[in-house]
């Protein structure tokens, strides 16, 4: 009996440290500033105590939801910024609120009532999270700090992954709640890697070195997941960074890009590259195309037939429920069902025409934001502004491209990035580093006109 007692003591000590940090964080959010609650929320997300070995003795509560509610309540005492667009009037917030309302409206006819209710509750929490991020991260410097928190969080996951088993050659169960499967974890890590790469370029202080140390381990995390979608999404994110990058110090950018490609090639294993080659087979429609790639095509066709039969959607996880009726058994998983492996197809089937319309409108707004960032870069606006805009756009492109290979509808990092991007699209003049110059130029032009 002595050995179990010693082990329980070690676990409870680690859990006690987590509890102390948690209550200190929400205490500072209540009595000092709500931004401490936001960073406590991020820490809870990455530490994911309920799924770690040291967190088994902790109370069974929804830590992230509790932190979000406490932080949102603490924010009520903040004075509203009259020069900034209210959070609920921003384009992503309008889409998010409407989408969540539609989820609740669908509840009576959802095929999987329990899973659909869980999804509706989660999106309701996402509204709170969006409000927190948009309201508290309101300057370029705060955005850099927020992105760095994601980098450090993924660094923690990357360190855990070094000693974690990888059954079947793919890393599973490391990310925690919401990002525990290999595809979602790979996409999440690729998104953060794209943001971290831009931090290395635009920063000049210790944050550059922190990102420089973290990004290689995050890239290794992408490799360990063996996700083809994450690899392609990371490639597209790199392309977006190249297109939207600040035009200052191009030599440093090319040097960092070369080192990044070299580093990724170094950490990538033979099994990873072998799995990536199946994408070429899928494109060329060769006979050697593996069942995973071929199955995705079958799933898309089945999804279109499901949508035709249910234009208003069948509720969350409805594709899984209907899959045995629309797909051959050879494409089913061990449970006898199959998910869509495509975010848009899932939205089309499960939320119908209203959900698919909102999905497309939101991503068209992201495309417009990329064009805005491109104009900012060409106009040589401050590097800090252009850099974090480019990082946010690149991260969202990673989510979108990765979503063509897996269902990332409930991926939380996209909510964070939508809020950050909206904050910049609705950035008031007083928050910009060039606002004083613009006001002076405007005033001088007015006097000349008079």
Protein backbone atom coordinates (compact mmCIF):
# COMPACT_ATOMS: atom_id res chain seq x y z
CA UNK A 1 0.00 0.00 0.00
CA UNK A 2 2.99 2.31 0.40
CA UNK A 3 3.64 2.78 -3.32
CA UNK A 4 0.12 3.99 -4.27
CA UNK A 5 0.17 6.46 -1.35
CA UNK A 6 3.47 7.98 -2.55
CA UNK A 7 2.17 8.23 -6.12
CA UNK A 8 -1.06 9.90 -4.98
CA UNK A 9 0.99 12.41 -2.98
CA UNK A 10 3.05 13.36 -6.06
CA UNK A 11 -0.05 13.76 -8.21
CA UNK A 12 -1.81 15.88 -5.60
CA UNK A 13 1.23 18.16 -5.30
CA UNK A 14 1.21 18.85 -9.04
CA UNK A 15 -2.54 19.35 -8.97
CA UNK A 16 -2.15 21.74 -6.03
CA UNK A 17 0.24 23.91 -8.07
CA UNK A 18 -2.33 23.99 -10.87
CA UNK A 19 -5.11 24.94 -8.45
CA UNK A 20 -3.03 27.72 -6.89
CA UNK A 21 -2.20 29.14 -10.32
CA UNK A 22 -5.83 28.86 -11.41
CA UNK A 23 -7.26 30.70 -8.42
CA UNK A 24 -4.51 33.33 -8.52
CA UNK A 25 -5.32 33.93 -12.19
CA UNK A 26 -9.06 34.38 -11.74
CA UNK A 27 -8.46 36.37 -8.56
CA UNK A 28 -6.26 38.82 -10.46
CA UNK A 29 -8.92 38.94 -13.18
CA UNK A 30 -11.52 39.98 -10.62
CA UNK A 31 -9.46 42.41 -8.58
CA UNK A 32 -6.80 43.74 -10.97
CA UNK A 33 -7.57 43.37 -14.68
CA UNK A 34 -9.62 40.86 -16.72
CA UNK A 35 -6.72 40.19 -19.08
CA UNK A 36 -5.25 37.93 -16.40
CA UNK A 37 -8.39 35.83 -16.72
CA UNK A 38 -7.90 35.56 -20.47
CA UNK A 39 -4.37 34.25 -20.06
CA UNK A 40 -5.57 31.88 -17.34
CA UNK A 41 -8.08 30.61 -19.86
CA UNK A 42 -5.29 29.99 -22.41
CA UNK A 43 -3.20 28.21 -19.77
CA UNK A 44 -6.15 25.98 -18.82
CA UNK A 45 -6.67 25.15 -22.50
CA UNK A 46 -3.10 23.96 -23.06
CA UNK A 47 -2.48 22.35 -19.68
CA UNK A 48 -5.79 20.46 -19.95
CA UNK A 49 -5.64 19.16 -16.38
CA UNK A 50 -8.50 16.60 -16.62
CA UNK A 51 -6.62 14.62 -19.28
CA UNK A 52 -3.14 14.74 -17.71
CA UNK A 53 -1.80 12.14 -15.33
CA UNK A 54 -1.41 14.72 -12.60
CA UNK A 55 -4.96 16.02 -12.87
CA UNK A 56 -6.90 12.88 -11.98
CA UNK A 57 -7.49 14.01 -8.41
CA UNK A 58 -8.85 17.44 -9.34
CA UNK A 59 -12.55 18.33 -9.06
CA UNK A 60 -14.57 17.36 -12.12
CA UNK A 61 -15.58 20.83 -13.32
CA UNK A 62 -15.42 22.63 -16.66
CA UNK A 63 -12.33 24.69 -15.99
CA UNK A 64 -12.30 26.64 -19.25
CA UNK A 65 -15.99 27.51 -19.11
CA UNK A 66 -15.67 28.66 -15.49
CA UNK A 67 -12.66 30.83 -16.38
CA UNK A 68 -14.47 32.34 -19.36
CA UNK A 69 -17.53 33.23 -17.28
CA UNK A 70 -15.50 34.77 -14.45
CA UNK A 71 -13.41 36.80 -16.92
CA UNK A 72 -16.49 38.01 -18.77
CA UNK A 73 -18.08 39.12 -15.48
CA UNK A 74 -14.88 40.93 -14.52
CA UNK A 75 -14.96 42.79 -17.83
CA UNK A 76 -18.23 44.49 -16.96
CA UNK A 77 -16.37 47.00 -14.81
CA UNK A 78 -14.15 48.11 -17.72
CA UNK A 79 -15.00 51.41 -19.30
CA UNK A 80 -16.21 50.99 -22.87
CA UNK A 81 -13.89 52.28 -25.59
CA UNK A 82 -16.14 54.69 -27.46
CA UNK A 83 -13.68 54.95 -30.37
CA UNK A 84 -13.83 51.23 -31.08
CA UNK A 85 -16.62 49.26 -32.74
CA UNK A 86 -18.60 47.26 -30.21
CA UNK A 87 -17.73 43.59 -30.33
CA UNK A 88 -21.21 42.39 -31.30
CA UNK A 89 -21.24 44.74 -34.30
CA UNK A 90 -18.13 43.21 -35.89
CA UNK A 91 -18.70 40.95 -38.87
CA UNK A 92 -17.40 37.68 -37.35
CA UNK A 93 -19.43 38.28 -34.17
CA UNK A 94 -22.63 38.78 -36.18
CA UNK A 95 -22.00 35.49 -38.01
CA UNK A 96 -21.05 33.67 -34.81
CA UNK A 97 -24.11 34.85 -32.88
CA UNK A 98 -26.45 34.04 -35.77
CA UNK A 99 -24.87 30.62 -36.27
CA UNK A 100 -25.23 29.81 -32.57
CA UNK A 101 -28.86 30.89 -32.60
CA UNK A 102 -29.48 28.61 -35.58
CA UNK A 103 -27.93 25.71 -33.66
CA UNK A 104 -30.41 26.20 -30.84
CA UNK A 105 -33.29 26.51 -33.33
CA UNK A 106 -32.29 23.15 -34.86
CA UNK A 107 -32.50 21.35 -31.52
CA UNK A 108 -36.05 19.92 -31.97
CA UNK A 109 -35.17 18.01 -35.16
CA UNK A 110 -31.48 17.19 -34.55
CA UNK A 111 -30.82 13.47 -35.12
CA UNK A 112 -28.29 13.24 -32.28
CA UNK A 113 -29.95 15.48 -29.68
CA UNK A 114 -27.26 15.08 -27.03
CA UNK A 115 -24.30 15.84 -29.31
CA UNK A 116 -26.17 18.73 -30.89
CA UNK A 117 -26.90 20.26 -27.49
CA UNK A 118 -23.21 19.96 -26.58
CA UNK A 119 -22.29 21.75 -29.81
CA UNK A 120 -24.80 24.55 -29.15
CA UNK A 121 -23.42 25.01 -25.63
CA UNK A 122 -19.87 25.10 -26.97
CA UNK A 123 -20.69 27.78 -29.54
CA UNK A 124 -22.42 29.78 -26.82
CA UNK A 125 -19.14 29.65 -24.92
CA UNK A 126 -17.33 30.68 -28.11
CA UNK A 127 -19.36 33.90 -28.12
CA UNK A 128 -18.03 34.68 -24.64
CA UNK A 129 -14.49 33.82 -25.74
CA UNK A 130 -14.79 36.05 -28.81
CA UNK A 131 -16.00 38.90 -26.61
CA UNK A 132 -13.05 38.39 -24.26
CA UNK A 133 -10.36 38.30 -26.96
CA UNK A 134 -11.76 41.16 -29.02
CA UNK A 135 -12.29 43.43 -26.03
CA UNK A 136 -9.03 42.74 -24.16
CA UNK A 137 -6.58 42.36 -27.05
CA UNK A 138 -7.00 45.84 -28.51
CA UNK A 139 -3.48 46.91 -29.59
CA UNK A 140 -0.80 45.40 -31.86
CA UNK A 141 1.53 44.81 -28.90
CA UNK A 142 -1.15 42.95 -26.96
CA UNK A 143 -1.79 40.86 -30.07
CA UNK A 144 1.87 39.90 -30.19
CA UNK A 145 1.70 38.82 -26.55
CA UNK A 146 -1.44 36.80 -27.19
CA UNK A 147 0.14 35.03 -30.17
CA UNK A 148 3.24 34.35 -28.10
CA UNK A 149 1.03 32.68 -25.48
CA UNK A 150 -0.17 30.28 -28.19
CA UNK A 151 3.42 29.59 -29.20
CA UNK A 152 4.43 28.79 -25.61
CA UNK A 153 1.33 26.64 -25.16
CA UNK A 154 2.19 24.59 -28.25
CA UNK A 155 5.79 24.39 -27.02
CA UNK A 156 4.42 22.62 -23.94
CA UNK A 157 2.53 20.17 -26.16
CA UNK A 158 5.63 19.67 -28.27
CA UNK A 159 7.67 18.75 -25.21
CA UNK A 160 5.03 16.25 -24.08
CA UNK A 161 4.97 14.73 -27.57
CA UNK A 162 8.70 13.94 -27.45
CA UNK A 163 8.09 11.10 -25.03
CA UNK A 164 4.53 10.16 -25.99
CA UNK A 165 3.70 6.90 -27.78
CA UNK A 166 2.49 7.10 -31.38
CA UNK A 167 0.33 4.06 -32.17
CA UNK A 168 0.22 3.43 -35.90
CA UNK A 169 2.94 6.02 -36.42
CA UNK A 170 0.65 8.97 -35.60
CA UNK A 171 0.51 11.00 -32.40
CA UNK A 172 -2.81 10.78 -30.56
CA UNK A 173 -4.16 11.97 -27.21
CA UNK A 174 -1.54 14.66 -26.49
CA UNK A 175 -3.37 17.87 -27.28
CA UNK A 176 -6.16 17.58 -24.76
CA UNK A 177 -9.78 18.69 -25.03
CA UNK A 178 -10.74 19.63 -28.57
CA UNK A 179 -7.32 18.93 -30.10
CA UNK A 180 -6.59 15.39 -28.94
CA UNK A 181 -6.83 13.59 -32.29
CA UNK A 182 -3.91 13.69 -34.73
CA UNK A 183 -5.62 15.72 -37.48
CA UNK A 184 -6.89 18.47 -35.18
CA UNK A 185 -3.64 18.64 -33.22
CA UNK A 186 -1.65 18.83 -36.46
CA UNK A 187 -3.80 21.67 -37.75
CA UNK A 188 -3.61 23.54 -34.44
CA UNK A 189 0.18 23.19 -34.30
CA UNK A 190 0.52 24.27 -37.94
CA UNK A 191 -1.61 27.36 -37.23
CA UNK A 192 0.54 28.35 -34.26
CA UNK A 193 3.74 27.62 -36.20
CA UNK A 194 2.67 30.09 -38.89
CA UNK A 195 1.98 32.76 -36.26
CA UNK A 196 5.25 32.00 -34.46
CA UNK A 197 7.24 32.35 -37.68
CA UNK A 198 5.94 35.88 -38.14
CA UNK A 199 6.77 36.74 -34.51
CA UNK A 200 10.38 35.74 -35.19
CA UNK A 201 10.46 38.18 -38.09
CA UNK A 202 8.80 41.24 -36.56
CA UNK A 203 10.14 41.12 -32.99
CA UNK A 204 13.51 42.36 -31.73
CA UNK A 205 13.36 41.44 -28.03
CA UNK A 206 13.21 38.22 -26.00
CA UNK A 207 9.94 37.29 -27.70
CA UNK A 208 11.86 36.61 -30.92
CA UNK A 209 14.15 34.15 -29.17
CA UNK A 210 11.24 32.48 -27.37
CA UNK A 211 9.49 31.94 -30.70
CA UNK A 212 12.76 30.88 -32.34
CA UNK A 213 13.22 28.11 -29.76
CA UNK A 214 9.55 27.06 -29.83
CA UNK A 215 8.79 26.88 -33.57
CA UNK A 216 11.10 23.88 -34.35
CA UNK A 217 9.41 21.81 -31.62
CA UNK A 218 5.99 22.89 -32.91
CA UNK A 219 6.97 21.82 -36.44
CA UNK A 220 8.08 18.49 -35.00
CA UNK A 221 4.63 18.23 -33.42
CA UNK A 222 3.09 18.62 -36.90
CA UNK A 223 5.37 15.87 -38.20
CA UNK A 224 4.50 13.48 -35.37
CA UNK A 225 0.77 13.80 -36.10
CA UNK A 226 1.38 12.58 -39.66
CA UNK A 227 -1.55 14.67 -40.89
CA UNK A 228 -1.53 15.27 -44.64
CA UNK A 229 -4.10 18.03 -44.27
CA UNK A 230 -1.98 19.80 -41.66
CA UNK A 231 1.09 19.58 -43.91
CA UNK A 232 -0.71 21.08 -46.89
CA UNK A 233 -2.32 23.71 -44.65
CA UNK A 234 1.10 24.65 -43.24
CA UNK A 235 2.44 25.03 -46.77
CA UNK A 236 -0.43 27.34 -47.72
CA UNK A 237 0.01 29.31 -44.51
CA UNK A 238 3.66 29.85 -45.42
CA UNK A 239 2.62 31.08 -48.85
CA UNK A 240 0.20 33.58 -47.26
CA UNK A 241 2.93 34.84 -44.94
CA UNK A 242 5.19 35.38 -47.94
CA UNK A 243 2.49 37.29 -49.83
CA UNK A 244 1.39 39.47 -46.89
CA UNK A 245 4.71 39.99 -45.11
CA UNK A 246 6.00 43.47 -44.22
CA UNK A 247 8.30 44.76 -46.93
CA UNK A 248 11.00 45.90 -44.50
CA UNK A 249 14.14 43.77 -44.04
CA UNK A 250 13.40 41.25 -46.80
CA UNK A 251 16.84 39.67 -46.47
CA UNK A 252 16.07 38.59 -42.90
CA UNK A 253 12.73 37.18 -44.04
CA UNK A 254 14.29 35.03 -46.76
CA UNK A 255 16.95 33.80 -44.32
CA UNK A 256 14.34 32.79 -41.77
CA UNK A 257 12.22 31.12 -44.47
CA UNK A 258 15.20 29.07 -45.64
CA UNK A 259 16.02 28.02 -42.08
CA UNK A 260 12.39 27.07 -41.49
CA UNK A 261 12.26 24.83 -44.57
CA UNK A 262 15.58 23.30 -43.63
CA UNK A 263 14.44 22.68 -40.07
CA UNK A 264 11.17 21.08 -41.17
CA UNK A 265 13.02 18.79 -43.54
CA UNK A 266 15.33 17.79 -40.71
CA UNK A 267 12.61 16.78 -38.25
CA UNK A 268 10.40 15.05 -40.85
CA UNK A 269 10.71 11.27 -40.77
CA UNK A 270 10.60 8.78 -43.64
CA UNK A 271 7.17 7.55 -42.55
CA UNK A 272 5.90 11.15 -42.64
CA UNK A 273 7.05 11.66 -46.23
CA UNK A 274 5.66 8.27 -47.23
CA UNK A 275 2.26 9.33 -45.91
CA UNK A 276 2.50 12.68 -47.72
CA UNK A 277 3.04 10.87 -51.03
CA UNK A 278 -0.49 9.48 -50.84
CA UNK A 279 -1.76 13.00 -51.62
CA UNK A 280 -0.07 12.79 -55.03
CA UNK A 281 -1.78 9.48 -55.66
CA UNK A 282 -5.12 11.03 -54.77
CA UNK A 283 -4.59 13.91 -57.19
CA UNK A 284 -3.47 11.62 -60.02
CA UNK A 285 -6.29 9.13 -59.32
CA UNK A 286 -3.88 6.20 -59.38
CA UNK A 287 -4.83 2.71 -58.31
CA UNK A 288 -2.44 2.89 -55.36
CA UNK A 289 -4.55 5.63 -53.75
CA UNK A 290 -5.08 4.56 -50.14
CA UNK A 291 -8.53 4.04 -48.64
CA UNK A 292 -8.27 7.22 -46.56
CA UNK A 293 -7.88 9.49 -49.61
CA UNK A 294 -10.45 7.61 -51.70
CA UNK A 295 -12.87 7.53 -48.80
CA UNK A 296 -12.89 11.32 -48.54
CA UNK A 297 -14.18 11.59 -52.10
CA UNK A 298 -16.93 9.08 -51.32
CA UNK A 299 -17.81 11.01 -48.15
CA UNK A 300 -18.18 14.27 -50.07
CA UNK A 301 -20.55 12.66 -52.58
CA UNK A 302 -22.56 11.11 -49.77
CA UNK A 303 -22.72 14.48 -48.01
CA UNK A 304 -24.21 16.14 -51.08
CA UNK A 305 -26.94 13.48 -51.21
CA UNK A 306 -27.64 13.97 -47.49
CA UNK A 307 -27.96 17.73 -48.01
CA UNK A 308 -30.38 17.24 -50.90
CA UNK A 309 -32.62 15.16 -48.64
CA UNK A 310 -32.31 17.52 -45.64
CA UNK A 311 -31.79 21.13 -46.86
CA UNK A 312 -32.27 22.61 -43.36
CA UNK A 313 -29.71 20.29 -41.82
CA UNK A 314 -29.92 17.35 -39.45
CA UNK A 315 -28.05 18.78 -36.47
CA UNK A 316 -24.52 18.34 -35.19
CA UNK A 317 -22.95 14.91 -35.90
CA UNK A 318 -25.85 14.19 -38.22
CA UNK A 319 -23.45 13.15 -40.98
CA UNK A 320 -22.14 10.38 -38.73
CA UNK A 321 -25.66 9.22 -37.92
CA UNK A 322 -26.68 9.09 -41.59
CA UNK A 323 -23.43 7.70 -42.98
CA UNK A 324 -24.43 3.99 -42.85
CA UNK A 325 -27.43 4.76 -45.10
CA UNK A 326 -25.40 6.65 -47.71
CA UNK A 327 -22.01 4.91 -47.78
CA UNK A 328 -20.74 1.40 -48.38
CA UNK A 329 -19.59 -0.56 -45.35
CA UNK A 330 -15.98 -0.73 -46.63
CA UNK A 331 -15.64 3.00 -45.89
CA UNK A 332 -16.96 2.73 -42.34
CA UNK A 333 -14.82 2.90 -39.22
CA UNK A 334 -14.80 0.27 -36.48
CA UNK A 335 -17.92 1.86 -35.00
CA UNK A 336 -19.84 1.29 -38.24
CA UNK A 337 -20.07 5.03 -39.00
CA UNK A 338 -17.98 7.69 -40.71
CA UNK A 339 -17.56 11.46 -40.37
CA UNK A 340 -17.32 13.77 -43.37
CA UNK A 341 -13.64 14.76 -42.97
CA UNK A 342 -14.54 18.13 -44.49
CA UNK A 343 -15.70 21.15 -42.49
CA UNK A 344 -17.84 22.65 -45.24
CA UNK A 345 -19.56 19.34 -46.05
CA UNK A 346 -20.27 18.83 -42.34
CA UNK A 347 -21.76 22.32 -42.12
CA UNK A 348 -23.79 21.79 -45.28
CA UNK A 349 -25.28 18.51 -44.04
CA UNK A 350 -25.70 19.38 -40.38
CA UNK A 351 -26.69 23.08 -40.48
CA UNK A 352 -28.18 23.10 -43.97
CA UNK A 353 -28.48 26.12 -46.23
CA UNK A 354 -28.38 28.72 -43.39
CA UNK A 355 -25.21 27.25 -41.85
CA UNK A 356 -23.42 26.80 -45.18
CA UNK A 357 -24.27 30.37 -46.21
CA UNK A 358 -22.84 31.81 -42.99
CA UNK A 359 -19.77 29.60 -43.35
CA UNK A 360 -19.03 30.94 -46.85
CA UNK A 361 -19.71 34.57 -45.90
CA UNK A 362 -17.30 34.37 -42.98
CA UNK A 363 -14.47 32.95 -45.05
CA UNK A 364 -15.08 35.50 -47.81
CA UNK A 365 -14.55 38.13 -45.11
CA UNK A 366 -11.22 36.46 -44.28
CA UNK A 367 -10.25 36.61 -47.96
CA UNK A 368 -11.08 40.32 -48.00
CA UNK A 369 -8.97 40.76 -44.87
CA UNK A 370 -6.03 39.14 -46.64
CA UNK A 371 -6.38 41.68 -49.45
CA UNK A 372 -6.52 44.50 -46.89
CA UNK A 373 -3.33 43.19 -45.28
CA UNK A 374 -1.67 43.07 -48.68
CA UNK A 375 -2.50 46.74 -49.21
CA UNK A 376 -1.15 47.57 -45.76
CA UNK A 377 2.11 45.81 -46.59
CA UNK A 378 2.52 47.60 -49.93
CA UNK A 379 1.74 50.94 -48.24
CA UNK A 380 4.44 50.10 -45.65
CA UNK A 381 2.31 50.61 -42.60
CA UNK A 382 4.12 49.90 -39.28
CA UNK A 383 5.74 46.46 -39.27
CA UNK A 384 4.00 45.50 -36.03
CA UNK A 385 0.53 46.08 -37.53
CA UNK A 386 1.24 44.37 -40.85
CA UNK A 387 3.08 41.50 -39.18
CA UNK A 388 0.35 40.49 -36.75
CA UNK A 389 -2.32 40.93 -39.44
CA UNK A 390 -0.32 38.66 -41.74
CA UNK A 391 0.15 36.12 -38.94
CA UNK A 392 -3.56 36.09 -38.13
CA UNK A 393 -4.58 35.76 -41.79
CA UNK A 394 -2.05 32.98 -42.33
CA UNK A 395 -3.33 31.15 -39.26
CA UNK A 396 -6.91 31.30 -40.52
CA UNK A 397 -5.83 30.08 -43.95
CA UNK A 398 -4.22 27.09 -42.21
CA UNK A 399 -7.53 26.36 -40.46
CA UNK A 400 -9.49 26.67 -43.71
CA UNK A 401 -7.18 24.49 -45.81
CA UNK A 402 -6.89 21.91 -43.04
CA UNK A 403 -10.68 21.89 -42.85
CA UNK A 404 -10.84 20.41 -46.34
CA UNK A 405 -9.37 17.19 -44.91
CA UNK A 406 -11.08 17.02 -41.50
CA UNK A 407 -14.03 18.49 -39.62
CA UNK A 408 -12.73 21.53 -37.73
CA UNK A 409 -16.08 23.18 -37.08
CA UNK A 410 -15.51 23.28 -33.29
CA UNK A 411 -11.84 24.24 -33.40
CA UNK A 412 -11.41 27.02 -30.86
CA UNK A 413 -8.25 28.59 -32.24
CA UNK A 414 -10.22 29.93 -35.19
CA UNK A 415 -12.47 31.85 -32.78
CA UNK A 416 -9.39 33.48 -31.25
CA UNK A 417 -8.03 34.41 -34.66
CA UNK A 418 -11.37 35.75 -35.89
CA UNK A 419 -11.49 38.02 -32.84
CA UNK A 420 -7.89 39.19 -33.38
CA UNK A 421 -8.50 39.86 -37.06
CA UNK A 422 -11.71 41.75 -36.34
CA UNK A 423 -9.81 43.82 -33.80
CA UNK A 424 -7.44 44.96 -36.52
CA UNK A 425 -10.10 45.46 -39.17
CA UNK A 426 -11.94 47.74 -36.73
CA UNK A 427 -8.80 49.25 -35.22
CA UNK A 428 -9.46 52.89 -34.19
CA UNK A 429 -6.99 55.56 -35.20
CA UNK A 430 -5.83 56.16 -31.61
CA UNK A 431 -4.61 52.56 -31.36
CA UNK A 432 -2.37 52.87 -34.40
CA UNK A 433 1.26 53.86 -34.17
CA UNK A 434 0.80 56.34 -37.03
CA UNK A 435 -2.40 57.93 -35.76
CA UNK A 436 -0.74 61.18 -34.65
CA UNK A 437 0.89 61.65 -38.05
CA UNK A 438 -2.41 60.96 -39.83
CA UNK A 439 -4.26 63.48 -37.67
CA UNK A 440 -1.54 66.08 -38.33
CA UNK A 441 -1.67 65.51 -42.08
CA UNK A 442 -5.46 65.63 -42.06
CA UNK A 443 -5.45 68.85 -40.01
CA UNK A 444 -2.90 70.48 -42.34
CA UNK A 445 -4.91 69.51 -45.41
CA UNK A 446 -8.04 70.97 -43.87
CA UNK A 447 -6.31 74.27 -43.10
CA UNK A 448 -5.00 74.49 -46.67
CA UNK A 449 -8.49 73.84 -47.98
CA UNK A 450 -9.89 76.62 -45.80
